[in-house]
């Protein structure tokens, strides 16, 4: 919104300054005429002060009345003691043109009569009032400002119109609707927020649809097994056979519970992303503690679990619980598919920390690199139901790294030959 405020201020100031300068230039053309009029009056009062030089007061009054009646000017005779002027202005009374003064009634000139202590006051007629011109100039000023503001608001109203249409289409179910970027937009932050919200909602809806399809697909097999077990147990008269069927049904129910719990956990994962608790954590210590806690599981899989971390601390601002969860998911996957070894490595740069988990298993085919992090993707499907894996571990890991504004990638391990997962996390 800073750009919006700046553009408003700059536009208004530019409009006022530009229009004010133009109108002032237009009005300034009238100034020379006004100065020419004042010069004429100064010349006139100089001539009167020179001509009115009678020998006595009565003759002066007579000549003054004749001049005043003949020229129809507003003239007055004043005595020096009747006026109060500062010394600087008193000196100007004998100078050419006299002194120009102003009062509430208008402007007037004062000039001393040559050889006398009396003054002539010449009232200058008011300049003709250009009421119509003033009205036109005022209307021009406000009209110009209005036009400039309208031109400034056109991009804003257009972007708001696009935003309103995009919101309407998105609400009507067109979840792919986005606002195109523009360099001339005043509401770039608002548009980015809308597009980000639209991306998250679209992804959430896609995940929910995928969740519903996968759940309905995966639940059919255990339900069919339960139906078969119930029918077989009812038809069987052998107690041991009945117990066998009941045990199989109990195992299927356990798998259904695990599957439902996994699906519900993934469905509610977005809610956890809004309540992250970030703190400065030494990633080296996190890797060491995680590797030590999973050493027993590695022994069960007959796999050697090792790690390599820098000598100096690798501090990073993360949510320790969820980053540990992401590392654990990758460790479990590595142990499942490794032949003899799983390796954790931490590499520290100026702005990022990279955590890699490598194994010496068969690896992942390059064509599966882009789909391995999608939910419910299982490269070895026959192991899923038996071992309780539903293709959500890597999807959860990818979402955790997304919460931390990081990046997760998979490649072929150059050191061990199997899969190599890399977590790139910003330090701050």
Protein backbone atom coordinates (compact mmCIF):
# COMPACT_ATOMS: atom_id res chain seq x y z
CA UNK A 1 0.00 0.00 0.00
CA UNK A 2 3.00 2.31 0.28
CA UNK A 3 3.08 2.76 -3.50
CA UNK A 4 -0.61 3.69 -3.45
CA UNK A 5 -0.10 6.41 -0.84
CA UNK A 6 2.99 7.75 -2.61
CA UNK A 7 1.24 7.88 -5.96
CA UNK A 8 -1.71 9.78 -4.46
CA UNK A 9 0.53 12.36 -2.80
CA UNK A 10 2.77 12.80 -5.86
CA UNK A 11 -0.21 13.11 -8.22
CA UNK A 12 -2.04 15.69 -6.10
CA UNK A 13 1.09 17.79 -5.46
CA UNK A 14 2.11 17.67 -9.13
CA UNK A 15 -1.38 18.65 -10.24
CA UNK A 16 -1.58 21.59 -7.83
CA UNK A 17 1.92 22.84 -8.63
CA UNK A 18 1.56 22.48 -12.40
CA UNK A 19 -1.91 24.03 -12.60
CA UNK A 20 -0.99 26.75 -10.11
CA UNK A 21 2.10 27.69 -12.10
CA UNK A 22 0.13 27.81 -15.34
CA UNK A 23 -2.66 29.94 -13.92
CA UNK A 24 -0.18 32.25 -12.18
CA UNK A 25 1.59 32.76 -15.49
CA UNK A 26 -1.73 33.65 -17.09
CA UNK A 27 -2.68 36.12 -14.36
CA UNK A 28 0.81 37.64 -14.32
CA UNK A 29 0.14 39.07 -17.77
CA UNK A 30 -2.22 41.59 -16.13
CA UNK A 31 0.48 43.01 -13.80
CA UNK A 32 2.25 45.31 -16.29
CA UNK A 33 -1.03 47.15 -17.04
CA UNK A 34 -1.60 47.79 -13.36
CA UNK A 35 1.96 49.19 -12.98
CA UNK A 36 1.48 51.43 -16.01
CA UNK A 37 -1.65 52.93 -14.44
CA UNK A 38 0.15 53.65 -11.19
CA UNK A 39 3.00 55.31 -13.09
CA UNK A 40 0.50 57.63 -14.79
CA UNK A 41 -0.98 58.63 -11.44
CA UNK A 42 2.50 59.30 -10.04
CA UNK A 43 3.32 61.54 -13.00
CA UNK A 44 0.03 63.34 -12.52
CA UNK A 45 0.58 64.01 -8.81
CA UNK A 46 4.11 65.27 -9.57
CA UNK A 47 2.69 67.79 -12.00
CA UNK A 48 0.01 68.93 -9.55
CA UNK A 49 2.56 69.36 -6.76
CA UNK A 50 4.66 71.57 -9.04
CA UNK A 51 1.81 73.69 -10.43
CA UNK A 52 0.04 74.30 -7.12
CA UNK A 53 2.45 76.90 -5.73
CA UNK A 54 0.30 79.95 -4.81
CA UNK A 55 1.36 82.78 -2.53
CA UNK A 56 -1.35 82.29 0.14
CA UNK A 57 -3.74 79.64 1.45
CA UNK A 58 -6.89 81.01 -0.11
CA UNK A 59 -5.30 81.10 -3.57
CA UNK A 60 -4.09 77.54 -3.03
CA UNK A 61 -7.56 76.35 -2.12
CA UNK A 62 -9.02 78.10 -5.17
CA UNK A 63 -6.52 76.54 -7.59
CA UNK A 64 -6.96 73.12 -5.95
CA UNK A 65 -10.76 73.27 -6.39
CA UNK A 66 -10.38 74.23 -10.04
CA UNK A 67 -8.05 71.31 -10.73
CA UNK A 68 -10.22 68.85 -8.82
CA UNK A 69 -13.40 69.90 -10.65
CA UNK A 70 -11.73 69.99 -14.06
CA UNK A 71 -10.06 66.56 -13.97
CA UNK A 72 -12.71 64.78 -11.86
CA UNK A 73 -10.05 63.19 -9.62
CA UNK A 74 -10.51 62.42 -5.93
CA UNK A 75 -8.05 64.94 -4.57
CA UNK A 76 -7.58 66.12 -1.00
CA UNK A 77 -5.40 68.71 0.75
CA UNK A 78 -3.70 67.59 3.94
CA UNK A 79 -1.36 69.21 6.40
CA UNK A 80 1.90 67.61 7.38
CA UNK A 81 0.87 67.53 11.05
CA UNK A 82 -2.31 65.61 10.17
CA UNK A 83 -0.47 62.48 9.05
CA UNK A 84 1.75 60.06 10.95
CA UNK A 85 4.42 58.41 8.85
CA UNK A 86 7.77 56.89 9.75
CA UNK A 87 10.86 58.96 8.86
CA UNK A 88 11.72 56.76 5.90
CA UNK A 89 8.37 57.53 4.26
CA UNK A 90 8.45 61.21 5.21
CA UNK A 91 11.59 61.57 3.11
CA UNK A 92 9.79 60.09 0.11
CA UNK A 93 7.09 62.77 0.17
CA UNK A 94 9.41 65.08 -1.79
CA UNK A 95 10.61 62.36 -4.18
CA UNK A 96 9.10 61.93 -7.69
CA UNK A 97 5.87 60.05 -7.56
CA UNK A 98 5.40 60.59 -3.85
CA UNK A 99 4.43 57.75 -1.51
CA UNK A 100 2.03 54.97 -2.45
CA UNK A 101 -0.11 53.90 0.50
CA UNK A 102 -3.10 51.66 0.96
CA UNK A 103 -6.11 51.66 3.25
CA UNK A 104 -9.33 49.72 3.59
CA UNK A 105 -10.91 51.99 0.95
CA UNK A 106 -8.14 51.47 -1.59
CA UNK A 107 -4.74 52.84 -2.66
CA UNK A 108 -3.71 56.53 -2.71
CA UNK A 109 -0.66 58.71 -3.37
CA UNK A 110 0.76 61.42 -1.11
CA UNK A 111 3.02 64.20 -2.46
CA UNK A 112 4.27 67.43 -0.80
CA UNK A 113 3.41 70.65 -2.61
CA UNK A 114 6.61 72.38 -3.62
CA UNK A 115 7.56 75.07 -1.12
CA UNK A 116 4.70 74.24 1.26
CA UNK A 117 3.94 72.11 4.32
CA UNK A 118 0.77 70.76 2.72
CA UNK A 119 0.21 67.46 0.92
CA UNK A 120 -1.86 66.35 -2.01
CA UNK A 121 -3.72 63.05 -1.63
CA UNK A 122 -4.70 61.40 -4.89
CA UNK A 123 -7.04 58.41 -4.53
CA UNK A 124 -6.34 55.77 -7.15
CA UNK A 125 -9.48 54.19 -8.60
CA UNK A 126 -9.87 50.51 -7.90
CA UNK A 127 -8.78 48.20 -10.65
CA UNK A 128 -11.66 46.67 -12.55
CA UNK A 129 -12.70 43.39 -10.99
CA UNK A 130 -12.45 40.45 -13.34
CA UNK A 131 -15.11 38.38 -11.59
CA UNK A 132 -15.79 36.32 -14.68
CA UNK A 133 -12.07 35.66 -15.21
CA UNK A 134 -11.60 34.71 -11.55
CA UNK A 135 -14.49 32.28 -11.83
CA UNK A 136 -13.04 30.78 -15.00
CA UNK A 137 -9.60 30.40 -13.44
CA UNK A 138 -11.05 28.81 -10.29
CA UNK A 139 -13.07 26.36 -12.36
CA UNK A 140 -10.01 25.61 -14.47
CA UNK A 141 -7.96 24.84 -11.35
CA UNK A 142 -10.48 22.44 -9.84
CA UNK A 143 -11.37 20.89 -13.19
CA UNK A 144 -7.70 20.28 -13.95
CA UNK A 145 -7.12 18.64 -10.57
CA UNK A 146 -10.24 16.51 -11.05
CA UNK A 147 -9.17 15.38 -14.52
CA UNK A 148 -5.68 14.46 -13.31
CA UNK A 149 -7.12 12.50 -10.38
CA UNK A 150 -9.53 10.72 -12.72
CA UNK A 151 -6.65 9.78 -15.03
CA UNK A 152 -4.68 8.59 -12.00
CA UNK A 153 -7.59 6.50 -10.71
CA UNK A 154 -8.25 4.73 -14.03
CA UNK A 155 -5.54 2.05 -13.47
CA UNK A 156 -6.74 1.61 -9.88
CA UNK A 157 -10.40 1.18 -10.83
CA UNK A 158 -9.43 -1.20 -13.63
CA UNK A 159 -7.37 -3.38 -11.28
CA UNK A 160 -10.18 -3.32 -8.70
CA UNK A 161 -12.60 -4.35 -11.45
CA UNK A 162 -10.32 -7.25 -12.40
CA UNK A 163 -10.02 -8.23 -8.74
CA UNK A 164 -13.79 -8.16 -8.30
CA UNK A 165 -14.34 -10.28 -11.43
CA UNK A 166 -11.64 -12.74 -10.34
CA UNK A 167 -13.24 -13.08 -6.90
CA UNK A 168 -16.66 -13.64 -8.50
CA UNK A 169 -15.31 -16.31 -10.87
CA UNK A 170 -13.37 -17.96 -8.06
CA UNK A 171 -16.50 -18.02 -5.91
CA UNK A 172 -18.42 -19.57 -8.82
CA UNK A 173 -16.06 -22.53 -8.86
CA UNK A 174 -13.42 -21.46 -11.40
CA UNK A 175 -10.55 -22.18 -9.03
CA UNK A 176 -7.90 -21.61 -11.71
CA UNK A 177 -8.78 -17.89 -11.88
CA UNK A 178 -5.83 -15.59 -11.14
CA UNK A 179 -5.11 -11.87 -11.49
CA UNK A 180 -2.42 -11.16 -14.12
CA UNK A 181 0.54 -9.15 -12.89
CA UNK A 182 0.99 -5.56 -14.05
CA UNK A 183 3.70 -2.95 -13.51
CA UNK A 184 1.08 -0.18 -13.43
CA UNK A 185 -0.97 -1.56 -10.55
CA UNK A 186 -1.30 0.36 -7.27
CA UNK A 187 -2.57 -2.72 -5.39
CA UNK A 188 0.15 -5.23 -6.21
CA UNK A 189 0.26 -6.50 -2.61
CA UNK A 190 -3.50 -7.12 -2.60
CA UNK A 191 -3.34 -8.93 -5.95
CA UNK A 192 -0.47 -11.13 -4.77
CA UNK A 193 -2.38 -11.95 -1.60
CA UNK A 194 -5.44 -12.92 -3.67
CA UNK A 195 -3.37 -15.13 -5.98
CA UNK A 196 -1.62 -16.74 -3.01
CA UNK A 197 -4.97 -17.40 -1.33
CA UNK A 198 -6.36 -18.81 -4.59
CA UNK A 199 -3.35 -21.12 -4.96
CA UNK A 200 -3.73 -22.42 -1.42
CA UNK A 201 -7.49 -22.95 -1.75
CA UNK A 202 -7.10 -24.67 -5.11
CA UNK A 203 -4.40 -26.95 -3.72
CA UNK A 204 -6.47 -27.66 -0.62
CA UNK A 205 -9.51 -28.55 -2.74
CA UNK A 206 -7.37 -30.76 -4.97
CA UNK A 207 -5.91 -32.50 -1.92
CA UNK A 208 -9.38 -33.05 -0.47
CA UNK A 209 -10.62 -34.50 -3.75
CA UNK A 210 -7.56 -36.74 -3.96
CA UNK A 211 -8.05 -37.70 -0.32
CA UNK A 212 -11.66 -38.66 -0.97
CA UNK A 213 -10.77 -40.68 -4.08
CA UNK A 214 -7.85 -42.45 -2.41
CA UNK A 215 -9.81 -43.18 0.74
CA UNK A 216 -12.76 -44.58 -1.20
CA UNK A 217 -10.38 -46.67 -3.32
CA UNK A 218 -8.20 -47.98 -0.50
CA UNK A 219 -11.06 -48.75 1.84
CA UNK A 220 -12.77 -51.11 -0.59
CA UNK A 221 -10.14 -53.86 -0.19
CA UNK A 222 -10.33 -54.13 3.62
CA UNK A 223 -14.13 -53.89 3.45
CA UNK A 224 -14.22 -56.75 0.94
CA UNK A 225 -11.90 -58.74 3.20
CA UNK A 226 -14.16 -58.08 6.18
CA UNK A 227 -17.23 -59.11 4.23
CA UNK A 228 -15.51 -62.30 3.10
CA UNK A 229 -14.29 -63.02 6.64
CA UNK A 230 -17.75 -62.54 8.14
CA UNK A 231 -19.38 -64.82 5.57
CA UNK A 232 -16.65 -67.45 5.96
CA UNK A 233 -16.88 -67.36 9.75
CA UNK A 234 -20.68 -67.76 9.62
CA UNK A 235 -20.44 -70.70 7.24
CA UNK A 236 -17.63 -72.46 9.12
CA UNK A 237 -18.43 -74.95 11.91
CA UNK A 238 -14.80 -75.37 12.96
CA UNK A 239 -13.84 -73.21 15.98
CA UNK A 240 -10.19 -72.89 14.89
CA UNK A 241 -11.28 -71.86 11.42
CA UNK A 242 -13.65 -69.28 12.88
CA UNK A 243 -10.83 -67.90 15.04
CA UNK A 244 -8.60 -67.70 12.00
CA UNK A 245 -11.17 -65.64 10.12
CA UNK A 246 -11.75 -63.41 13.15
CA UNK A 247 -8.00 -62.77 13.46
CA UNK A 248 -7.80 -61.78 9.82
CA UNK A 249 -10.76 -59.43 10.28
CA UNK A 250 -9.08 -57.88 13.32
CA UNK A 251 -5.94 -57.24 11.28
CA UNK A 252 -8.00 -55.63 8.53
CA UNK A 253 -9.74 -53.40 11.07
CA UNK A 254 -6.36 -52.35 12.46
CA UNK A 255 -5.17 -51.41 8.98
CA UNK A 256 -8.37 -49.46 8.37
CA UNK A 257 -7.83 -47.53 11.60
CA UNK A 258 -4.23 -46.76 10.64
CA UNK A 259 -5.28 -45.70 7.15
CA UNK A 260 -8.09 -43.48 8.46
CA UNK A 261 -5.76 -41.90 11.02
CA UNK A 262 -3.13 -41.19 8.33
CA UNK A 263 -5.69 -39.68 5.97
CA UNK A 264 -7.22 -37.50 8.70
CA UNK A 265 -3.77 -36.32 9.79
CA UNK A 266 -2.96 -35.19 6.26
CA UNK A 267 -6.38 -33.55 5.86
CA UNK A 268 -5.76 -31.48 9.02
CA UNK A 269 -2.17 -30.65 8.20
CA UNK A 270 -2.92 -27.13 6.93
CA UNK A 271 -4.28 -26.19 10.33
CA UNK A 272 -0.91 -26.98 11.93
CA UNK A 273 0.85 -24.77 9.39
CA UNK A 274 -0.89 -21.73 10.87
CA UNK A 275 0.47 -22.37 14.36
CA UNK A 276 4.20 -22.85 13.86
CA UNK A 277 6.53 -22.01 16.73
CA UNK A 278 9.79 -20.70 15.25
CA UNK A 279 12.95 -20.51 17.30
CA UNK A 280 16.72 -20.52 16.71
CA UNK A 281 17.83 -24.17 16.64
CA UNK A 282 21.26 -25.72 16.08
CA UNK A 283 20.56 -28.08 13.18
CA UNK A 284 23.73 -30.07 13.94
CA UNK A 285 22.40 -31.01 17.38
CA UNK A 286 19.00 -31.82 15.87
CA UNK A 287 20.60 -34.21 13.36
CA UNK A 288 22.70 -35.87 16.07
CA UNK A 289 19.75 -36.42 18.43
CA UNK A 290 17.52 -37.69 15.60
CA UNK A 291 20.17 -40.13 14.35
CA UNK A 292 20.75 -41.45 17.87
CA UNK A 293 17.03 -41.95 18.50
CA UNK A 294 16.63 -43.90 15.24
CA UNK A 295 19.74 -46.04 15.68
CA UNK A 296 17.69 -48.94 17.10
CA UNK A 297 15.33 -48.84 14.11
CA UNK A 298 18.35 -48.89 11.80
CA UNK A 299 19.65 -51.97 13.53
CA UNK A 300 16.28 -53.65 13.06
CA UNK A 301 16.54 -52.97 9.34
CA UNK A 302 20.17 -54.11 9.43
CA UNK A 303 21.27 -50.71 8.13
CA UNK A 304 24.15 -48.52 9.33
CA UNK A 305 22.97 -44.99 10.13
CA UNK A 306 25.69 -42.30 10.12
CA UNK A 307 25.84 -38.52 9.92
CA UNK A 308 28.27 -35.74 8.97
CA UNK A 309 27.84 -32.23 10.40
CA UNK A 310 30.10 -29.15 10.41
CA UNK A 311 32.29 -28.44 13.42
CA UNK A 312 30.69 -25.02 13.95
CA UNK A 313 27.07 -24.63 14.96
CA UNK A 314 24.45 -24.36 12.19
CA UNK A 315 21.77 -22.11 13.69
CA UNK A 316 18.51 -21.83 11.80
CA UNK A 317 15.14 -20.31 12.68
CA UNK A 318 12.72 -23.22 12.35
CA UNK A 319 9.91 -25.07 14.05
CA UNK A 320 11.94 -27.84 15.67
CA UNK A 321 9.04 -30.31 15.96
CA UNK A 322 8.04 -30.22 12.30
CA UNK A 323 11.55 -30.12 10.84
CA UNK A 324 12.40 -33.14 13.00
CA UNK A 325 9.24 -34.79 11.66
CA UNK A 326 10.37 -34.14 8.07
CA UNK A 327 13.82 -35.60 8.74
CA UNK A 328 12.29 -38.63 10.46
CA UNK A 329 10.01 -39.31 7.47
CA UNK A 330 13.00 -39.31 5.13
CA UNK A 331 15.03 -41.47 7.52
CA UNK A 332 12.28 -44.09 7.71
CA UNK A 333 12.01 -44.16 3.91
CA UNK A 334 15.79 -44.45 3.60
CA UNK A 335 15.91 -47.39 6.03
CA UNK A 336 13.09 -49.16 4.21
CA UNK A 337 14.85 -49.08 0.86
CA UNK A 338 18.54 -48.99 1.84
CA UNK A 339 20.72 -52.05 1.42
CA UNK A 340 23.33 -51.42 4.10
CA UNK A 341 23.76 -47.71 4.77
CA UNK A 342 21.92 -44.38 5.31
CA UNK A 343 23.87 -41.11 5.58
CA UNK A 344 22.74 -37.72 6.96
CA UNK A 345 24.74 -34.64 5.95
CA UNK A 346 24.49 -30.97 6.91
CA UNK A 347 26.01 -28.27 4.66
CA UNK A 348 25.94 -24.64 5.76
CA UNK A 349 26.09 -21.56 3.49
CA UNK A 350 25.64 -17.86 4.23
CA UNK A 351 21.84 -17.84 3.97
CA UNK A 352 20.77 -21.50 3.85
CA UNK A 353 21.29 -24.86 5.50
CA UNK A 354 21.06 -28.00 3.38
CA UNK A 355 20.21 -31.37 4.94
CA UNK A 356 20.68 -34.45 2.76
CA UNK A 357 19.53 -38.03 3.45
CA UNK A 358 21.14 -40.64 1.19
CA UNK A 359 20.89 -44.41 0.98
CA UNK A 360 22.50 -47.19 -1.04
CA UNK A 361 19.28 -48.77 -2.25
CA UNK A 362 17.90 -49.03 -5.75
CA UNK A 363 17.07 -45.31 -5.86
CA UNK A 364 14.18 -43.59 -7.62
CA UNK A 365 13.67 -43.46 -11.36
CA UNK A 366 14.18 -39.95 -12.84
CA UNK A 367 10.65 -39.96 -14.31
CA UNK A 368 9.27 -40.22 -10.76
CA UNK A 369 11.21 -37.21 -9.40
CA UNK A 370 8.35 -34.78 -10.10
CA UNK A 371 5.56 -36.94 -8.65
CA UNK A 372 7.21 -38.52 -5.60
CA UNK A 373 6.14 -35.65 -3.30
CA UNK A 374 2.47 -35.72 -4.28
CA UNK A 375 0.08 -37.27 -1.72
CA UNK A 376 -0.94 -40.92 -2.07
CA UNK A 377 1.86 -41.67 -4.56
CA UNK A 378 3.36 -45.13 -3.83
CA UNK A 379 6.14 -46.38 -6.03
CA UNK A 380 5.99 -49.89 -4.53
CA UNK A 381 2.27 -50.43 -4.10
CA UNK A 382 2.37 -54.05 -2.95
CA UNK A 383 4.15 -53.09 0.30
CA UNK A 384 1.66 -50.38 1.23
CA UNK A 385 -1.21 -52.22 2.89
CA UNK A 386 0.98 -54.83 4.49
CA UNK A 387 3.34 -52.34 6.16
CA UNK A 388 0.88 -49.52 6.84
CA UNK A 389 2.30 -47.05 4.30
CA UNK A 390 -0.18 -44.88 2.39
CA UNK A 391 2.01 -42.56 0.31
CA UNK A 392 1.73 -39.56 2.65
CA UNK A 393 5.17 -39.36 4.29
CA UNK A 394 6.93 -37.49 1.50
CA UNK A 395 3.89 -35.28 0.89
CA UNK A 396 3.89 -34.25 4.57
CA UNK A 397 7.63 -33.61 4.40
CA UNK A 398 7.22 -31.40 1.31
CA UNK A 399 4.48 -29.39 3.02
CA UNK A 400 6.62 -28.88 6.13
CA UNK A 401 9.48 -27.54 4.02
CA UNK A 402 7.00 -25.30 2.20
CA UNK A 403 5.92 -23.84 5.57
CA UNK A 404 9.56 -22.88 6.16
CA UNK A 405 9.88 -21.29 2.69
CA UNK A 406 12.46 -23.90 1.77
CA UNK A 407 12.88 -26.43 -1.03
CA UNK A 408 12.96 -30.22 -1.18
CA UNK A 409 14.47 -32.15 -4.08
CA UNK A 410 15.31 -35.77 -4.89
CA UNK A 411 18.15 -37.06 -7.05
CA UNK A 412 20.46 -40.02 -7.46
CA UNK A 413 23.08 -40.21 -4.74
CA UNK A 414 26.57 -39.73 -6.19
CA UNK A 415 28.16 -41.13 -3.03
CA UNK A 416 26.00 -44.18 -2.18
CA UNK A 417 24.16 -44.78 -5.45
CA UNK A 418 20.62 -44.80 -4.05
CA UNK A 419 18.12 -41.99 -3.48
CA UNK A 420 19.31 -38.59 -2.22
CA UNK A 421 16.77 -36.21 -0.63
CA UNK A 422 17.88 -32.60 -0.05
CA UNK A 423 16.16 -30.12 2.29
CA UNK A 424 17.23 -26.51 1.66
CA UNK A 425 16.02 -24.29 4.54
CA UNK A 426 16.60 -20.52 4.88
CA UNK A 427 18.40 -19.54 8.07
CA UNK A 428 15.93 -16.76 8.80
